[in-house]
Amino acid sequence: MPVVVTAVFHPAEGQREQLVEALRLTMPAVHDEVGCLRYAIHDASDGTITMIEKWTSAEHLKAHARGTAVAALQAVVDPLVARPTVVTTMTPLEAGTPEQGLL
């Protein structure tokens, strides 16, 4: 069963562009991980940056969380955020059409 994750980053004062660039630079390593279906950043209207992720399984997400790509991402992101990243893990619920009703 696929797993969807949101990770909300709160940029430190004056660090938004640096945070976005740090995420862009570290994303290719995550895209290469087994099980990664989606790993994309979005600019939210509240000033945060939100990563939307989709993994083929909880096992692949766990491997990602323990992997070197996440360690590298955390190393460059931690100095650029005002507070800890808020991560939410979700299981998709089918509704409507498969193309429109599932992420």
N, C-alpha and C. Protein backbone atom coordinates (compact mmCIF):
# COMPACT_ATOMS: atom_id res chain seq x y z
N MET A 1 0.85 -1.18 0.00
CA MET A 1 0.00 0.00 0.00
C MET A 1 0.89 1.24 0.00
N PRO A 2 0.61 2.19 -0.90
CA PRO A 2 1.42 3.41 -0.93
C PRO A 2 1.24 4.26 0.32
N VAL A 3 2.24 5.09 0.58
CA VAL A 3 2.24 6.00 1.73
C VAL A 3 2.51 7.41 1.21
N VAL A 4 1.73 8.36 1.69
CA VAL A 4 1.91 9.77 1.33
C VAL A 4 2.41 10.51 2.56
N VAL A 5 3.35 11.41 2.34
CA VAL A 5 3.96 12.16 3.44
C VAL A 5 3.99 13.63 3.08
N THR A 6 3.73 14.48 4.07
CA THR A 6 4.01 15.90 3.92
C THR A 6 5.07 16.26 4.96
N ALA A 7 6.00 17.08 4.54
CA ALA A 7 7.02 17.61 5.45
C ALA A 7 6.99 19.12 5.29
N VAL A 8 6.62 19.81 6.36
CA VAL A 8 6.47 21.27 6.31
C VAL A 8 7.69 21.92 6.96
N PHE A 9 8.39 22.71 6.15
CA PHE A 9 9.59 23.41 6.59
C PHE A 9 9.25 24.86 6.89
N HIS A 10 9.73 25.38 8.00
CA HIS A 10 9.51 26.78 8.40
C HIS A 10 10.83 27.52 8.24
N PRO A 11 11.01 28.24 7.13
CA PRO A 11 12.28 28.92 6.90
C PRO A 11 12.61 29.94 8.00
N ALA A 12 13.87 29.97 8.38
CA ALA A 12 14.33 31.01 9.31
C ALA A 12 14.28 32.35 8.58
N GLU A 13 14.23 33.41 9.35
CA GLU A 13 14.18 34.77 8.79
C GLU A 13 15.28 34.96 7.75
N GLY A 14 14.87 35.35 6.55
CA GLY A 14 15.82 35.63 5.48
C GLY A 14 16.46 34.41 4.84
N GLN A 15 15.97 33.21 5.16
CA GLN A 15 16.60 31.98 4.67
C GLN A 15 15.74 31.19 3.67
N ARG A 16 14.62 31.75 3.24
CA ARG A 16 13.70 31.02 2.38
C ARG A 16 14.37 30.54 1.09
N GLU A 17 15.02 31.44 0.37
CA GLU A 17 15.64 31.07 -0.90
C GLU A 17 16.75 30.04 -0.71
N GLN A 18 17.52 30.19 0.36
CA GLN A 18 18.59 29.23 0.64
C GLN A 18 18.01 27.86 0.97
N LEU A 19 16.88 27.84 1.69
CA LEU A 19 16.22 26.58 2.02
C LEU A 19 15.72 25.89 0.75
N VAL A 20 15.06 26.64 -0.11
CA VAL A 20 14.56 26.07 -1.36
C VAL A 20 15.72 25.51 -2.18
N GLU A 21 16.80 26.24 -2.28
CA GLU A 21 17.94 25.76 -3.06
C GLU A 21 18.56 24.51 -2.43
N ALA A 22 18.65 24.47 -1.11
CA ALA A 22 19.18 23.29 -0.42
C ALA A 22 18.31 22.07 -0.70
N LEU A 23 17.00 22.26 -0.69
CA LEU A 23 16.09 21.15 -0.99
C LEU A 23 16.26 20.70 -2.44
N ARG A 24 16.34 21.66 -3.34
CA ARG A 24 16.53 21.32 -4.76
C ARG A 24 17.81 20.51 -4.98
N LEU A 25 18.87 20.88 -4.31
CA LEU A 25 20.15 20.20 -4.49
C LEU A 25 20.17 18.79 -3.91
N THR A 26 19.39 18.54 -2.87
CA THR A 26 19.40 17.23 -2.22
C THR A 26 18.32 16.29 -2.76
N MET A 27 17.38 16.82 -3.53
CA MET A 27 16.27 15.99 -4.02
C MET A 27 16.68 14.88 -4.99
N PRO A 28 17.62 15.08 -5.90
CA PRO A 28 17.95 14.01 -6.85
C PRO A 28 18.35 12.69 -6.18
N ALA A 29 19.05 12.76 -5.06
CA ALA A 29 19.43 11.53 -4.35
C ALA A 29 18.20 10.79 -3.84
N VAL A 30 17.19 11.53 -3.41
CA VAL A 30 15.95 10.90 -2.95
C VAL A 30 15.19 10.32 -4.13
N HIS A 31 15.14 11.05 -5.23
CA HIS A 31 14.44 10.54 -6.43
C HIS A 31 15.02 9.22 -6.89
N ASP A 32 16.30 8.98 -6.62
CA ASP A 32 16.95 7.73 -7.01
C ASP A 32 16.68 6.57 -6.06
N GLU A 33 16.07 6.85 -4.90
CA GLU A 33 15.82 5.79 -3.92
C GLU A 33 14.71 4.84 -4.40
N VAL A 34 14.88 3.58 -4.07
CA VAL A 34 13.86 2.58 -4.39
C VAL A 34 12.57 2.93 -3.67
N GLY A 35 11.46 2.92 -4.40
CA GLY A 35 10.16 3.16 -3.80
C GLY A 35 9.67 4.59 -3.84
N CYS A 36 10.52 5.52 -4.28
CA CYS A 36 10.12 6.93 -4.33
C CYS A 36 9.29 7.18 -5.59
N LEU A 37 8.02 7.50 -5.37
CA LEU A 37 7.11 7.82 -6.48
C LEU A 37 6.95 9.32 -6.67
N ARG A 38 7.09 10.07 -5.59
CA ARG A 38 6.92 11.53 -5.65
C ARG A 38 7.73 12.12 -4.50
N TYR A 39 8.44 13.20 -4.80
CA TYR A 39 9.19 13.94 -3.80
C TYR A 39 9.33 15.33 -4.37
N ALA A 40 8.40 16.21 -4.03
CA ALA A 40 8.28 17.51 -4.70
C ALA A 40 8.04 18.61 -3.67
N ILE A 41 8.70 19.76 -3.89
CA ILE A 41 8.53 20.89 -2.96
C ILE A 41 7.51 21.88 -3.52
N HIS A 42 6.82 22.52 -2.58
CA HIS A 42 5.79 23.49 -2.92
C HIS A 42 5.90 24.70 -1.99
N ASP A 43 5.64 25.86 -2.55
CA ASP A 43 5.63 27.11 -1.79
C ASP A 43 4.22 27.29 -1.25
N ALA A 44 4.07 27.28 0.06
CA ALA A 44 2.75 27.40 0.68
C ALA A 44 2.42 28.87 0.96
N SER A 45 1.16 29.19 0.96
CA SER A 45 0.72 30.57 1.15
C SER A 45 1.02 31.12 2.55
N ASP A 46 1.33 30.24 3.51
CA ASP A 46 1.63 30.71 4.87
C ASP A 46 3.12 30.95 5.09
N GLY A 47 3.92 30.92 4.01
CA GLY A 47 5.34 31.19 4.13
C GLY A 47 6.20 29.95 4.35
N THR A 48 5.56 28.80 4.48
CA THR A 48 6.31 27.56 4.66
C THR A 48 6.62 26.94 3.29
N ILE A 49 7.51 25.98 3.30
CA ILE A 49 7.81 25.16 2.13
C ILE A 49 7.35 23.75 2.48
N THR A 50 6.53 23.16 1.63
CA THR A 50 5.99 21.84 1.91
C THR A 50 6.50 20.83 0.90
N MET A 51 7.06 19.75 1.41
CA MET A 51 7.47 18.62 0.59
C MET A 51 6.31 17.64 0.58
N ILE A 52 5.90 17.24 -0.62
CA ILE A 52 4.87 16.21 -0.74
C ILE A 52 5.56 14.97 -1.31
N GLU A 53 5.43 13.87 -0.58
CA GLU A 53 6.11 12.63 -0.94
C GLU A 53 5.10 11.52 -1.14
N LYS A 54 5.47 10.57 -1.99
CA LYS A 54 4.68 9.35 -2.12
C LYS A 54 5.66 8.20 -2.29
N TRP A 55 5.45 7.16 -1.48
CA TRP A 55 6.32 5.99 -1.46
C TRP A 55 5.48 4.75 -1.75
N THR A 56 6.09 3.77 -2.39
CA THR A 56 5.35 2.56 -2.76
C THR A 56 4.92 1.76 -1.54
N SER A 57 5.64 1.90 -0.42
CA SER A 57 5.30 1.14 0.78
C SER A 57 5.89 1.80 2.02
N ALA A 58 5.36 1.39 3.17
CA ALA A 58 5.90 1.88 4.44
C ALA A 58 7.34 1.44 4.62
N GLU A 59 7.69 0.26 4.10
CA GLU A 59 9.06 -0.24 4.21
C GLU A 59 10.02 0.65 3.45
N HIS A 60 9.62 1.09 2.24
CA HIS A 60 10.49 1.98 1.47
C HIS A 60 10.62 3.34 2.16
N LEU A 61 9.54 3.82 2.76
CA LEU A 61 9.61 5.08 3.50
C LEU A 61 10.56 4.95 4.69
N LYS A 62 10.50 3.83 5.41
CA LYS A 62 11.39 3.61 6.55
C LYS A 62 12.85 3.58 6.10
N ALA A 63 13.11 2.91 4.98
CA ALA A 63 14.48 2.87 4.45
C ALA A 63 14.95 4.27 4.08
N HIS A 64 14.06 5.05 3.49
CA HIS A 64 14.38 6.44 3.15
C HIS A 64 14.74 7.23 4.41
N ALA A 65 13.95 7.09 5.45
CA ALA A 65 14.17 7.84 6.69
C ALA A 65 15.52 7.50 7.32
N ARG A 66 16.01 6.28 7.11
CA ARG A 66 17.29 5.86 7.68
C ARG A 66 18.46 6.08 6.72
N GLY A 67 18.18 6.53 5.52
CA GLY A 67 19.19 6.58 4.47
C GLY A 67 20.09 7.80 4.50
N THR A 68 21.10 7.73 3.65
CA THR A 68 22.08 8.81 3.57
C THR A 68 21.51 10.07 2.94
N ALA A 69 20.52 9.94 2.06
CA ALA A 69 19.93 11.13 1.43
C ALA A 69 19.24 12.00 2.47
N VAL A 70 18.53 11.39 3.40
CA VAL A 70 17.86 12.17 4.45
C VAL A 70 18.88 12.80 5.38
N ALA A 71 19.93 12.07 5.71
CA ALA A 71 20.98 12.63 6.57
C ALA A 71 21.62 13.85 5.91
N ALA A 72 21.88 13.76 4.60
CA ALA A 72 22.46 14.89 3.88
C ALA A 72 21.49 16.06 3.83
N LEU A 73 20.22 15.76 3.60
CA LEU A 73 19.19 16.81 3.56
C LEU A 73 19.11 17.52 4.91
N GLN A 74 19.06 16.77 5.99
CA GLN A 74 18.96 17.36 7.32
C GLN A 74 20.17 18.24 7.63
N ALA A 75 21.33 17.80 7.21
CA ALA A 75 22.55 18.57 7.50
C ALA A 75 22.53 19.95 6.87
N VAL A 76 21.99 20.04 5.65
CA VAL A 76 21.96 21.34 4.99
C VAL A 76 20.73 22.16 5.35
N VAL A 77 19.64 21.50 5.72
CA VAL A 77 18.38 22.20 6.01
C VAL A 77 18.33 22.73 7.45
N ASP A 78 18.85 21.98 8.40
CA ASP A 78 18.71 22.37 9.81
C ASP A 78 19.13 23.80 10.11
N PRO A 79 20.22 24.33 9.57
CA PRO A 79 20.59 25.72 9.87
C PRO A 79 19.67 26.75 9.21
N LEU A 80 18.81 26.31 8.30
CA LEU A 80 17.99 27.24 7.52
C LEU A 80 16.54 27.31 7.98
N VAL A 81 16.18 26.52 9.00
CA VAL A 81 14.79 26.51 9.47
C VAL A 81 14.69 27.11 10.87
N ALA A 82 13.52 27.70 11.12
CA ALA A 82 13.27 28.36 12.41
C ALA A 82 12.83 27.38 13.49
N ARG A 83 12.28 26.25 13.07
CA ARG A 83 11.83 25.24 14.03
C ARG A 83 11.81 23.88 13.34
N PRO A 84 11.64 22.82 14.11
CA PRO A 84 11.66 21.48 13.51
C PRO A 84 10.61 21.30 12.41
N THR A 85 10.97 20.50 11.43
CA THR A 85 10.07 20.19 10.33
C THR A 85 8.91 19.34 10.85
N VAL A 86 7.70 19.64 10.40
CA VAL A 86 6.51 18.89 10.80
C VAL A 86 6.24 17.85 9.71
N VAL A 87 6.39 16.57 10.07
CA VAL A 87 6.20 15.48 9.13
C VAL A 87 4.91 14.74 9.47
N THR A 88 4.07 14.55 8.45
CA THR A 88 2.81 13.81 8.62
C THR A 88 2.79 12.67 7.61
N THR A 89 2.55 11.47 8.09
CA THR A 89 2.47 10.28 7.24
C THR A 89 1.01 9.88 7.11
N MET A 90 0.60 9.60 5.87
CA MET A 90 -0.82 9.31 5.60
C MET A 90 -0.96 8.09 4.71
N THR A 91 -2.08 7.40 4.84
CA THR A 91 -2.44 6.30 3.96
C THR A 91 -3.59 6.79 3.08
N PRO A 92 -3.43 6.71 1.76
CA PRO A 92 -4.48 7.19 0.87
C PRO A 92 -5.80 6.42 1.05
N LEU A 93 -6.88 7.14 0.96
CA LEU A 93 -8.22 6.55 0.98
C LEU A 93 -8.82 6.74 -0.41
N GLU A 94 -9.23 5.66 -1.02
CA GLU A 94 -9.79 5.75 -2.36
C GLU A 94 -11.11 6.52 -2.37
N ALA A 95 -11.24 7.40 -3.36
CA ALA A 95 -12.47 8.15 -3.55
C ALA A 95 -12.47 8.67 -4.98
N GLY A 96 -13.58 8.60 -5.65
CA GLY A 96 -13.64 9.10 -7.02
C GLY A 96 -12.86 8.20 -7.96
N THR A 97 -12.25 8.81 -8.97
CA THR A 97 -11.49 8.05 -9.94
C THR A 97 -10.07 7.83 -9.45
N PRO A 98 -9.41 6.76 -9.90
CA PRO A 98 -8.02 6.54 -9.47
C PRO A 98 -7.10 7.69 -9.87
N GLU A 99 -7.35 8.32 -11.01
CA GLU A 99 -6.51 9.41 -11.47
C GLU A 99 -6.70 10.67 -10.64
N GLN A 100 -7.92 10.92 -10.19
CA GLN A 100 -8.22 12.15 -9.48
C GLN A 100 -8.40 11.97 -7.99
N GLY A 101 -8.75 10.80 -7.57
CA GLY A 101 -9.08 10.58 -6.17
C GLY A 101 -7.95 10.05 -5.31
N LEU A 102 -6.80 9.77 -5.93
CA LEU A 102 -5.64 9.29 -5.17
C LEU A 102 -4.43 10.12 -5.54
N LEU A 103 -3.62 10.40 -4.56
CA LEU A 103 -2.36 11.10 -4.81
C LEU A 103 -1.29 10.07 -5.06
